[in-house]
Amino acid sequence: EREGLSCVHRSGGTTDYSSSVQGRFTISRDKAKHTVYLQMN
């Protein structure tokens, strides 16, 4: 099934993560580029 990993507020200031990726993945957004990223380590 499809699994939710992470989410970010419009402001970029609030984020949430699933336990499966917490500490390894980071969500962020660049408002100047109108882009949201998921850094996966």
PDB file of all heavy atoms in Angstrom:
ATOM      1  N   GLU A   1       0.836  -1.191   0.000  1.00  0.00           N
ATOM      2  CA  GLU A   1       0.000   0.000   0.000  1.00  0.00           C
ATOM      3  C   GLU A   1       0.884   1.258   0.000  1.00  0.00           C
ATOM      4  O   GLU A   1       2.045   1.227   0.413  1.00  0.00           O
ATOM      5  CB  GLU A   1      -0.911   0.001   1.226  1.00  0.00           C
ATOM      6  CG  GLU A   1      -1.952  -1.098   1.208  1.00  0.00           C
ATOM      7  CD  GLU A   1      -2.925  -0.968   2.365  1.00  0.00           C
ATOM      8  OE1 GLU A   1      -2.707  -0.122   3.241  1.00  0.00           O
ATOM      9  OE2 GLU A   1      -3.912  -1.729   2.382  1.00  0.00           O
ATOM     10  N   ARG A   2       0.280   2.353  -0.464  1.00  0.00           N
ATOM     11  CA  ARG A   2       0.993   3.622  -0.441  1.00  0.00           C
ATOM     12  C   ARG A   2       1.221   4.050   1.009  1.00  0.00           C
ATOM     13  O   ARG A   2       0.310   3.941   1.844  1.00  0.00           O
ATOM     14  CB  ARG A   2       0.202   4.681  -1.204  1.00  0.00           C
ATOM     15  CG  ARG A   2       0.977   5.947  -1.458  1.00  0.00           C
ATOM     16  CD  ARG A   2       0.211   6.867  -2.386  1.00  0.00           C
ATOM     17  NE  ARG A   2       0.069   6.307  -3.713  1.00  0.00           N
ATOM     18  CZ  ARG A   2      -0.540   6.933  -4.718  1.00  0.00           C
ATOM     19  NH1 ARG A   2      -1.080   8.124  -4.517  1.00  0.00           N
ATOM     20  NH2 ARG A   2      -0.624   6.371  -5.887  1.00  0.00           N
ATOM     21  N   GLU A   3       2.410   4.532   1.280  1.00  0.00           N
ATOM     22  CA  GLU A   3       2.823   4.883   2.643  1.00  0.00           C
ATOM     23  C   GLU A   3       3.157   6.361   2.723  1.00  0.00           C
ATOM     24  O   GLU A   3       3.926   6.875   1.898  1.00  0.00           O
ATOM     25  CB  GLU A   3       4.055   4.053   3.021  1.00  0.00           C
ATOM     26  CG  GLU A   3       4.676   4.404   4.349  1.00  0.00           C
ATOM     27  CD  GLU A   3       6.019   3.725   4.563  1.00  0.00           C
ATOM     28  OE1 GLU A   3       6.603   3.187   3.601  1.00  0.00           O
ATOM     29  OE2 GLU A   3       6.511   3.760   5.704  1.00  0.00           O
ATOM     30  N   GLY A   4       2.601   7.050   3.710  1.00  0.00           N
ATOM     31  CA  GLY A   4       2.936   8.449   3.943  1.00  0.00           C
ATOM     32  C   GLY A   4       4.265   8.570   4.658  1.00  0.00           C
ATOM     33  O   GLY A   4       4.524   7.839   5.615  1.00  0.00           O
ATOM     34  N   LEU A   5       5.115   9.480   4.212  1.00  0.00           N
ATOM     35  CA  LEU A   5       6.465   9.603   4.749  1.00  0.00           C
ATOM     36  C   LEU A   5       6.670  10.889   5.541  1.00  0.00           C
ATOM     37  O   LEU A   5       7.214  10.871   6.642  1.00  0.00           O
ATOM     38  CB  LEU A   5       7.480   9.556   3.623  1.00  0.00           C
ATOM     39  CG  LEU A   5       7.454   8.343   2.711  1.00  0.00           C
ATOM     40  CD1 LEU A   5       8.483   8.510   1.610  1.00  0.00           C
ATOM     41  CD2 LEU A   5       7.705   7.071   3.509  1.00  0.00           C
ATOM     42  N   SER A   6       6.257  12.017   4.951  1.00  0.00           N
ATOM     43  CA  SER A   6       6.565  13.297   5.581  1.00  0.00           C
ATOM     44  C   SER A   6       5.666  14.365   4.992  1.00  0.00           C
ATOM     45  O   SER A   6       5.178  14.235   3.869  1.00  0.00           O
ATOM     46  CB  SER A   6       8.031  13.658   5.337  1.00  0.00           C
ATOM     47  OG  SER A   6       8.360  14.866   5.983  1.00  0.00           O
ATOM     48  N   CYS A   7       5.464  15.422   5.757  1.00  0.00           N
ATOM     49  CA  CYS A   7       4.662  16.534   5.260  1.00  0.00           C
ATOM     50  C   CYS A   7       5.231  17.847   5.794  1.00  0.00           C
ATOM     51  O   CYS A   7       5.941  17.869   6.815  1.00  0.00           O
ATOM     52  CB  CYS A   7       3.197  16.390   5.668  1.00  0.00           C
ATOM     53  SG  CYS A   7       2.955  16.369   7.442  1.00  0.00           S
ATOM     54  N   VAL A   8       4.897  18.924   5.108  1.00  0.00           N
ATOM     55  CA  VAL A   8       5.392  20.239   5.499  1.00  0.00           C
ATOM     56  C   VAL A   8       4.293  21.270   5.326  1.00  0.00           C
ATOM     57  O   VAL A   8       3.541  21.258   4.354  1.00  0.00           O
ATOM     58  CB  VAL A   8       6.657  20.628   4.689  1.00  0.00           C
ATOM     59  CG1 VAL A   8       6.369  20.697   3.196  1.00  0.00           C
ATOM     60  CG2 VAL A   8       7.248  21.935   5.181  1.00  0.00           C
ATOM     61  N   HIS A   9       4.195  22.177   6.283  1.00  0.00           N
ATOM     62  CA  HIS A   9       3.228  23.271   6.254  1.00  0.00           C
ATOM     63  C   HIS A   9       3.587  24.261   5.144  1.00  0.00           C
ATOM     64  O   HIS A   9       4.726  24.299   4.680  1.00  0.00           O
ATOM     65  CB  HIS A   9       3.249  23.965   7.621  1.00  0.00           C
ATOM     66  CG  HIS A   9       2.162  24.960   7.831  1.00  0.00           C
ATOM     67  ND1 HIS A   9       2.255  26.258   7.401  1.00  0.00           N
ATOM     68  CD2 HIS A   9       0.960  24.845   8.446  1.00  0.00           C
ATOM     69  CE1 HIS A   9       1.156  26.912   7.739  1.00  0.00           C
ATOM     70  NE2 HIS A   9       0.356  26.074   8.370  1.00  0.00           N
ATOM     71  N   ARG A  10       2.620  25.053   4.727  1.00  0.00           N
ATOM     72  CA  ARG A  10       2.883  26.095   3.732  1.00  0.00           C
ATOM     73  C   ARG A  10       4.081  26.944   4.104  1.00  0.00           C
ATOM     74  O   ARG A  10       4.885  27.319   3.269  1.00  0.00           O
ATOM     75  CB  ARG A  10       1.662  27.009   3.585  1.00  0.00           C
ATOM     76  CG  ARG A  10       0.495  26.420   2.877  1.00  0.00           C
ATOM     77  CD  ARG A  10      -0.500  27.531   2.517  1.00  0.00           C
ATOM     78  NE  ARG A  10      -0.937  28.254   3.695  1.00  0.00           N
ATOM     79  CZ  ARG A  10      -1.958  27.898   4.442  1.00  0.00           C
ATOM     80  NH1 ARG A  10      -2.631  26.798   4.157  1.00  0.00           N
ATOM     81  NH2 ARG A  10      -2.308  28.624   5.484  1.00  0.00           N
ATOM     82  N   SER A  11       4.185  27.264   5.382  1.00  0.00           N
ATOM     83  CA  SER A  11       5.256  28.152   5.833  1.00  0.00           C
ATOM     84  C   SER A  11       6.628  27.480   5.800  1.00  0.00           C
ATOM     85  O   SER A  11       7.659  28.149   5.798  1.00  0.00           O
ATOM     86  CB  SER A  11       4.977  28.620   7.268  1.00  0.00           C
ATOM     87  OG  SER A  11       5.084  27.520   8.160  1.00  0.00           O
ATOM     88  N   GLY A  12       6.613  26.159   5.818  1.00  0.00           N
ATOM     89  CA  GLY A  12       7.876  25.426   5.924  1.00  0.00           C
ATOM     90  C   GLY A  12       8.333  25.234   7.347  1.00  0.00           C
ATOM     91  O   GLY A  12       9.308  24.522   7.603  1.00  0.00           O
ATOM     92  N   GLY A  13       7.617  25.835   8.284  1.00  0.00           N
ATOM     93  CA  GLY A  13       8.067  25.802   9.671  1.00  0.00           C
ATOM     94  C   GLY A  13       7.598  24.597  10.457  1.00  0.00           C
ATOM     95  O   GLY A  13       8.091  24.350  11.561  1.00  0.00           O
ATOM     96  N   THR A  14       6.641  23.855   9.940  1.00  0.00           N
ATOM     97  CA  THR A  14       6.110  22.689  10.651  1.00  0.00           C
ATOM     98  C   THR A  14       6.221  21.473   9.747  1.00  0.00           C
ATOM     99  O   THR A  14       5.798  21.515   8.593  1.00  0.00           O
ATOM    100  CB  THR A  14       4.643  22.902  11.044  1.00  0.00           C
ATOM    101  OG1 THR A  14       4.546  24.076  11.853  1.00  0.00           O
ATOM    102  CG2 THR A  14       4.113  21.715  11.832  1.00  0.00           C
ATOM    103  N   THR A  15       6.767  20.414  10.296  1.00  0.00           N
ATOM    104  CA  THR A  15       6.923  19.179   9.538  1.00  0.00           C
ATOM    105  C   THR A  15       6.534  17.984  10.396  1.00  0.00           C
ATOM    106  O   THR A  15       6.531  18.069  11.634  1.00  0.00           O
ATOM    107  CB  THR A  15       8.379  18.997   9.062  1.00  0.00           C
ATOM    108  OG1 THR A  15       9.234  18.963  10.214  1.00  0.00           O
ATOM    109  CG2 THR A  15       8.814  20.123   8.147  1.00  0.00           C
ATOM    110  N   ASP A  16       6.215  16.893   9.750  1.00  0.00           N
ATOM    111  CA  ASP A  16       5.947  15.623  10.432  1.00  0.00           C
ATOM    112  C   ASP A  16       6.572  14.499   9.615  1.00  0.00           C
ATOM    113  O   ASP A  16       6.732  14.627   8.389  1.00  0.00           O
ATOM    114  CB  ASP A  16       4.439  15.375  10.571  1.00  0.00           C
ATOM    115  CG  ASP A  16       3.843  16.099  11.750  1.00  0.00           C
ATOM    116  OD1 ASP A  16       4.216  15.761  12.891  1.00  0.00           O
ATOM    117  OD2 ASP A  16       3.033  17.020  11.525  1.00  0.00           O
ATOM    118  N   TYR A  17       6.897  13.401  10.300  1.00  0.00           N
ATOM    119  CA  TYR A  17       7.531  12.274   9.642  1.00  0.00           C
ATOM    120  C   TYR A  17       6.932  10.968  10.145  1.00  0.00           C
ATOM    121  O   TYR A  17       6.518  10.864  11.304  1.00  0.00           O
ATOM    122  CB  TYR A  17       9.035  12.245   9.943  1.00  0.00           C
ATOM    123  CG  TYR A  17       9.798  13.411   9.386  1.00  0.00           C
ATOM    124  CD1 TYR A  17       9.978  14.563  10.140  1.00  0.00           C
ATOM    125  CD2 TYR A  17      10.341  13.362   8.105  1.00  0.00           C
ATOM    126  CE1 TYR A  17      10.672  15.652   9.618  1.00  0.00           C
ATOM    127  CE2 TYR A  17      11.043  14.434   7.584  1.00  0.00           C
ATOM    128  CZ  TYR A  17      11.192  15.577   8.342  1.00  0.00           C
ATOM    129  OH  TYR A  17      11.891  16.644   7.826  1.00  0.00           O
ATOM    130  N   SER A  18       6.962   9.970   9.274  1.00  0.00           N
ATOM    131  CA  SER A  18       6.611   8.632   9.736  1.00  0.00           C
ATOM    132  C   SER A  18       7.802   8.050  10.483  1.00  0.00           C
ATOM    133  O   SER A  18       8.950   8.467  10.274  1.00  0.00           O
ATOM    134  CB  SER A  18       6.254   7.733   8.553  1.00  0.00           C
ATOM    135  OG  SER A  18       7.413   7.429   7.803  1.00  0.00           O
ATOM    136  N   SER A  19       7.545   7.098  11.321  1.00  0.00           N
ATOM    137  CA  SER A  19       8.619   6.502  12.108  1.00  0.00           C
ATOM    138  C   SER A  19       9.618   5.759  11.227  1.00  0.00           C
ATOM    139  O   SER A  19      10.777   5.612  11.595  1.00  0.00           O
ATOM    140  CB  SER A  19       8.035   5.545  13.150  1.00  0.00           C
ATOM    141  OG  SER A  19       7.262   4.535  12.523  1.00  0.00           O
ATOM    142  N   SER A  20       9.172   5.332  10.044  1.00  0.00           N
ATOM    143  CA  SER A  20      10.054   4.553   9.170  1.00  0.00           C
ATOM    144  C   SER A  20      11.165   5.398   8.550  1.00  0.00           C
ATOM    145  O   SER A  20      12.183   4.855   8.115  1.00  0.00           O
ATOM    146  CB  SER A  20       9.235   3.877   8.069  1.00  0.00           C
ATOM    147  OG  SER A  20       8.605   4.847   7.249  1.00  0.00           O
ATOM    148  N   VAL A  21      10.976   6.721   8.510  1.00  0.00           N
ATOM    149  CA  VAL A  21      11.989   7.586   7.881  1.00  0.00           C
ATOM    150  C   VAL A  21      12.508   8.663   8.813  1.00  0.00           C
ATOM    151  O   VAL A  21      13.432   9.406   8.458  1.00  0.00           O
ATOM    152  CB  VAL A  21      11.457   8.225   6.590  1.00  0.00           C
ATOM    153  CG1 VAL A  21      11.001   7.154   5.614  1.00  0.00           C
ATOM    154  CG2 VAL A  21      10.326   9.210   6.887  1.00  0.00           C
ATOM    155  N   GLN A  22      11.917   8.782   9.991  1.00  0.00           N
ATOM    156  CA  GLN A  22      12.360   9.786  10.958  1.00  0.00           C
ATOM    157  C   GLN A  22      13.853   9.645  11.210  1.00  0.00           C
ATOM    158  O   GLN A  22      14.353   8.556  11.479  1.00  0.00           O
ATOM    159  CB  GLN A  22      11.589   9.616  12.278  1.00  0.00           C
ATOM    160  CG  GLN A  22      12.007  10.569  13.378  1.00  0.00           C
ATOM    161  CD  GLN A  22      11.377  11.932  13.219  1.00  0.00           C
ATOM    162  OE1 GLN A  22      10.177  12.044  12.991  1.00  0.00           O
ATOM    163  NE2 GLN A  22      12.170  12.979  13.361  1.00  0.00           N
ATOM    164  N   GLY A  23      14.577  10.755  11.098  1.00  0.00           N
ATOM    165  CA  GLY A  23      16.009  10.740  11.344  1.00  0.00           C
ATOM    166  C   GLY A  23      16.845  10.463  10.105  1.00  0.00           C
ATOM    167  O   GLY A  23      18.055  10.707  10.103  1.00  0.00           O
ATOM    168  N   ARG A  24      16.226   9.935   9.043  1.00  0.00           N
ATOM    169  CA  ARG A  24      16.964   9.660   7.796  1.00  0.00           C
ATOM    170  C   ARG A  24      16.534  10.587   6.668  1.00  0.00           C
ATOM    171  O   ARG A  24      17.341  10.955   5.824  1.00  0.00           O
ATOM    172  CB  ARG A  24      16.742   8.208   7.348  1.00  0.00           C
ATOM    173  CG  ARG A  24      17.276   7.169   8.304  1.00  0.00           C
ATOM    174  CD  ARG A  24      17.253   5.783   7.668  1.00  0.00           C
ATOM    175  NE  ARG A  24      15.905   5.373   7.287  1.00  0.00           N
ATOM    176  CZ  ARG A  24      15.575   4.947   6.056  1.00  0.00           C
ATOM    177  NH1 ARG A  24      16.491   4.902   5.097  1.00  0.00           N
ATOM    178  NH2 ARG A  24      14.332   4.578   5.795  1.00  0.00           N
ATOM    179  N   PHE A  25      15.259  10.934   6.630  1.00  0.00           N
ATOM    180  CA  PHE A  25      14.710  11.792   5.588  1.00  0.00           C
ATOM    181  C   PHE A  25      14.402  13.171   6.163  1.00  0.00           C
ATOM    182  O   PHE A  25      13.980  13.282   7.318  1.00  0.00           O
ATOM    183  CB  PHE A  25      13.434  11.202   5.015  1.00  0.00           C
ATOM    184  CG  PHE A  25      13.609   9.927   4.220  1.00  0.00           C
ATOM    185  CD1 PHE A  25      14.809   9.243   4.179  1.00  0.00           C
ATOM    186  CD2 PHE A  25      12.539   9.414   3.497  1.00  0.00           C
ATOM    187  CE1 PHE A  25      14.964   8.081   3.455  1.00  0.00           C
ATOM    188  CE2 PHE A  25      12.672   8.247   2.755  1.00  0.00           C
ATOM    189  CZ  PHE A  25      13.882   7.578   2.740  1.00  0.00           C
ATOM    190  N   THR A  26      14.574  14.194   5.317  1.00  0.00           N
ATOM    191  CA  THR A  26      14.253  15.557   5.725  1.00  0.00           C
ATOM    192  C   THR A  26      13.454  16.242   4.630  1.00  0.00           C
ATOM    193  O   THR A  26      13.890  16.270   3.476  1.00  0.00           O
ATOM    194  CB  THR A  26      15.528  16.369   5.996  1.00  0.00           C
ATOM    195  OG1 THR A  26      16.311  15.718   7.008  1.00  0.00           O
ATOM    196  CG2 THR A  26      15.172  17.771   6.476  1.00  0.00           C
ATOM    197  N   ILE A  27      12.303  16.779   5.015  1.00  0.00           N
ATOM    198  CA  ILE A  27      11.487  17.535   4.072  1.00  0.00           C
ATOM    199  C   ILE A  27      11.776  19.016   4.257  1.00  0.00           C
ATOM    200  O   ILE A  27      11.993  19.488   5.385  1.00  0.00           O
ATOM    201  CB  ILE A  27       9.982  17.225   4.270  1.00  0.00           C
ATOM    202  CG1 ILE A  27       9.160  17.755   3.105  1.00  0.00           C
ATOM    203  CG2 ILE A  27       9.473  17.775   5.604  1.00  0.00           C
ATOM    204  CD1 ILE A  27       7.707  17.262   3.116  1.00  0.00           C
ATOM    205  N   SER A  28      11.794  19.738   3.156  1.00  0.00           N
ATOM    206  CA  SER A  28      12.025  21.184   3.237  1.00  0.00           C
ATOM    207  C   SER A  28      11.396  21.835   2.020  1.00  0.00           C
ATOM    208  O   SER A  28      11.020  21.157   1.068  1.00  0.00           O
ATOM    209  CB  SER A  28      13.521  21.493   3.293  1.00  0.00           C
ATOM    210  OG  SER A  28      14.165  21.061   2.111  1.00  0.00           O
ATOM    211  N   ARG A  29      11.281  23.158   2.087  1.00  0.00           N
ATOM    212  CA  ARG A  29      10.763  23.847   0.918  1.00  0.00           C
ATOM    213  C   ARG A  29      11.551  25.115   0.687  1.00  0.00           C
ATOM    214  O   ARG A  29      11.985  25.772   1.640  1.00  0.00           O
ATOM    215  CB  ARG A  29       9.269  24.121   1.058  1.00  0.00           C
ATOM    216  CG  ARG A  29       8.812  25.016   2.156  1.00  0.00           C
ATOM    217  CD  ARG A  29       7.287  24.967   2.333  1.00  0.00           C
ATOM    218  NE  ARG A  29       6.590  25.008   1.075  1.00  0.00           N
ATOM    219  CZ  ARG A  29       5.344  24.543   0.873  1.00  0.00           C
ATOM    220  NH1 ARG A  29       4.679  24.012   1.888  1.00  0.00           N
ATOM    221  NH2 ARG A  29       4.764  24.605  -0.304  1.00  0.00           N
ATOM    222  N   ASP A  30      11.734  25.412  -0.581  1.00  0.00           N
ATOM    223  CA  ASP A  30      12.411  26.639  -1.005  1.00  0.00           C
ATOM    224  C   ASP A  30      11.338  27.509  -1.649  1.00  0.00           C
ATOM    225  O   ASP A  30      10.928  27.257  -2.791  1.00  0.00           O
ATOM    226  CB  ASP A  30      13.528  26.312  -1.993  1.00  0.00           C
ATOM    227  CG  ASP A  30      14.336  27.536  -2.380  1.00  0.00           C
ATOM    228  OD1 ASP A  30      13.784  28.662  -2.360  1.00  0.00           O
ATOM    229  OD2 ASP A  30      15.511  27.380  -2.714  1.00  0.00           O
ATOM    230  N   LYS A  31      10.892  28.504  -0.920  1.00  0.00           N
ATOM    231  CA  LYS A  31       9.781  29.324  -1.426  1.00  0.00           C
ATOM    232  C   LYS A  31      10.195  30.132  -2.638  1.00  0.00           C
ATOM    233  O   LYS A  31       9.383  30.410  -3.511  1.00  0.00           O
ATOM    234  CB  LYS A  31       9.246  30.211  -0.310  1.00  0.00           C
ATOM    235  CG  LYS A  31       8.385  29.450   0.690  1.00  0.00           C
ATOM    236  CD  LYS A  31       7.763  30.386   1.688  1.00  0.00           C
ATOM    237  CE  LYS A  31       6.638  29.705   2.450  1.00  0.00           C
ATOM    238  NZ  LYS A  31       5.453  29.478   1.616  1.00  0.00           N
ATOM    239  N   ALA A  32      11.444  30.527  -2.707  1.00  0.00           N
ATOM    240  CA  ALA A  32      11.909  31.303  -3.868  1.00  0.00           C
ATOM    241  C   ALA A  32      11.830  30.460  -5.141  1.00  0.00           C
ATOM    242  O   ALA A  32      11.593  30.995  -6.229  1.00  0.00           O
ATOM    243  CB  ALA A  32      13.328  31.781  -3.642  1.00  0.00           C
ATOM    244  N   LYS A  33      12.012  29.143  -4.994  1.00  0.00           N
ATOM    245  CA  LYS A  33      11.966  28.245  -6.151  1.00  0.00           C
ATOM    246  C   LYS A  33      10.634  27.521  -6.265  1.00  0.00           C
ATOM    247  O   LYS A  33      10.458  26.708  -7.178  1.00  0.00           O
ATOM    248  CB  LYS A  33      13.108  27.233  -6.061  1.00  0.00           C
ATOM    249  CG  LYS A  33      14.482  27.859  -6.170  1.00  0.00           C
ATOM    250  CD  LYS A  33      15.576  26.805  -6.139  1.00  0.00           C
ATOM    251  CE  LYS A  33      16.945  27.458  -6.300  1.00  0.00           C
ATOM    252  NZ  LYS A  33      18.036  26.448  -6.289  1.00  0.00           N
ATOM    253  N   HIS A  34       9.724  27.783  -5.322  1.00  0.00           N
ATOM    254  CA  HIS A  34       8.399  27.148  -5.343  1.00  0.00           C
ATOM    255  C   HIS A  34       8.542  25.627  -5.433  1.00  0.00           C
ATOM    256  O   HIS A  34       7.832  24.967  -6.208  1.00  0.00           O
ATOM    257  CB  HIS A  34       7.570  27.685  -6.514  1.00  0.00           C
ATOM    258  CG  HIS A  34       7.405  29.171  -6.502  1.00  0.00           C
ATOM    259  ND1 HIS A  34       6.340  29.807  -5.884  1.00  0.00           N
ATOM    260  CD2 HIS A  34       8.206  30.145  -6.992  1.00  0.00           C
ATOM    261  CE1 HIS A  34       6.483  31.124  -6.017  1.00  0.00           C
ATOM    262  NE2 HIS A  34       7.610  31.357  -6.679  1.00  0.00           N
ATOM    263  N   THR A  35       9.433  25.099  -4.654  1.00  0.00           N
ATOM    264  CA  THR A  35       9.787  23.684  -4.723  1.00  0.00           C
ATOM    265  C   THR A  35       9.868  23.096  -3.321  1.00  0.00           C
ATOM    266  O   THR A  35      10.299  23.772  -2.380  1.00  0.00           O
ATOM    267  CB  THR A  35      11.142  23.503  -5.443  1.00  0.00           C
ATOM    268  OG1 THR A  35      11.030  24.038  -6.763  1.00  0.00           O
ATOM    269  CG2 THR A  35      11.528  22.038  -5.530  1.00  0.00           C
ATOM    270  N   VAL A  36       9.457  21.843  -3.210  1.00  0.00           N
ATOM    271  CA  VAL A  36       9.579  21.092  -1.964  1.00  0.00           C
ATOM    272  C   VAL A  36      10.535  19.930  -2.213  1.00  0.00           C
ATOM    273  O   VAL A  36      10.477  19.284  -3.266  1.00  0.00           O
ATOM    274  CB  VAL A  36       8.211  20.579  -1.492  1.00  0.00           C
ATOM    275  CG1 VAL A  36       8.360  19.665  -0.280  1.00  0.00           C
ATOM    276  CG2 VAL A  36       7.302  21.755  -1.143  1.00  0.00           C
ATOM    277  N   TYR A  37      11.396  19.686  -1.236  1.00  0.00           N
ATOM    278  CA  TYR A  37      12.406  18.656  -1.365  1.00  0.00           C
ATOM    279  C   TYR A  37      12.210  17.554  -0.324  1.00  0.00           C
ATOM    280  O   TYR A  37      11.661  17.789   0.752  1.00  0.00           O
ATOM    281  CB  TYR A  37      13.797  19.257  -1.173  1.00  0.00           C
ATOM    282  CG  TYR A  37      14.125  20.355  -2.133  1.00  0.00           C
ATOM    283  CD1 TYR A  37      14.044  21.695  -1.732  1.00  0.00           C
ATOM    284  CD2 TYR A  37      14.519  20.076  -3.435  1.00  0.00           C
ATOM    285  CE1 TYR A  37      14.348  22.718  -2.617  1.00  0.00           C
ATOM    286  CE2 TYR A  37      14.822  21.099  -4.321  1.00  0.00           C
ATOM    287  CZ  TYR A  37      14.727  22.408  -3.900  1.00  0.00           C
ATOM    288  OH  TYR A  37      15.027  23.424  -4.776  1.00  0.00           O
ATOM    289  N   LEU A  38      12.709  16.383  -0.668  1.00  0.00           N
ATOM    290  CA  LEU A  38      12.836  15.297   0.298  1.00  0.00           C
ATOM    291  C   LEU A  38      14.272  14.783   0.207  1.00  0.00           C
ATOM    292  O   LEU A  38      14.635  14.140  -0.773  1.00  0.00           O
ATOM    293  CB  LEU A  38      11.847  14.168   0.026  1.00  0.00           C
ATOM    294  CG  LEU A  38      11.845  13.063   1.089  1.00  0.00           C
ATOM    295  CD1 LEU A  38      11.291  13.596   2.415  1.00  0.00           C
ATOM    296  CD2 LEU A  38      11.040  11.848   0.629  1.00  0.00           C
ATOM    297  N   GLN A  39      15.061  15.141   1.210  1.00  0.00           N
ATOM    298  CA  GLN A  39      16.430  14.663   1.285  1.00  0.00           C
ATOM    299  C   GLN A  39      16.415  13.303   1.956  1.00  0.00           C
ATOM    300  O   GLN A  39      15.931  13.179   3.097  1.00  0.00           O
ATOM    301  CB  GLN A  39      17.294  15.641   2.085  1.00  0.00           C
ATOM    302  CG  GLN A  39      18.727  15.198   2.277  1.00  0.00           C
ATOM    303  CD  GLN A  39      19.518  15.161   0.986  1.00  0.00           C
ATOM    304  OE1 GLN A  39      19.447  16.081   0.181  1.00  0.00           O
ATOM    305  NE2 GLN A  39      20.281  14.093   0.783  1.00  0.00           N
ATOM    306  N   MET A  40      16.946  12.312   1.270  1.00  0.00           N
ATOM    307  CA  MET A  40      16.926  10.939   1.782  1.00  0.00           C
ATOM    308  C   MET A  40      18.357  10.463   1.993  1.00  0.00           C
ATOM    309  O   MET A  40      19.132  10.377   1.040  1.00  0.00           O
ATOM    310  CB  MET A  40      16.199  10.026   0.796  1.00  0.00           C
ATOM    311  CG  MET A  40      14.807  10.519   0.431  1.00  0.00           C
ATOM    312  SD  MET A  40      13.877   9.347  -0.576  1.00  0.00           S
ATOM    313  CE  MET A  40      14.886   9.301  -2.054  1.00  0.00           C
ATOM    314  N   ASN A  41      18.694  10.191   3.225  1.00  0.00           N
ATOM    315  CA  ASN A  41      20.035   9.718   3.584  1.00  0.00           C
ATOM    316  C   ASN A  41      19.964   8.298   4.136  1.00  0.00           C
ATOM    317  O   ASN A  41      18.895   7.815   4.511  1.00  0.00           O
ATOM    318  CB  ASN A  41      20.651  10.645   4.629  1.00  0.00           C
ATOM    319  CG  ASN A  41      20.825  12.059   4.135  1.00  0.00           C
ATOM    320  OD1 ASN A  41      21.048  12.294   2.944  1.00  0.00           O
ATOM    321  ND2 ASN A  41      20.730  13.023   5.037  1.00  0.00           N
TER     322      ASN A  41
END
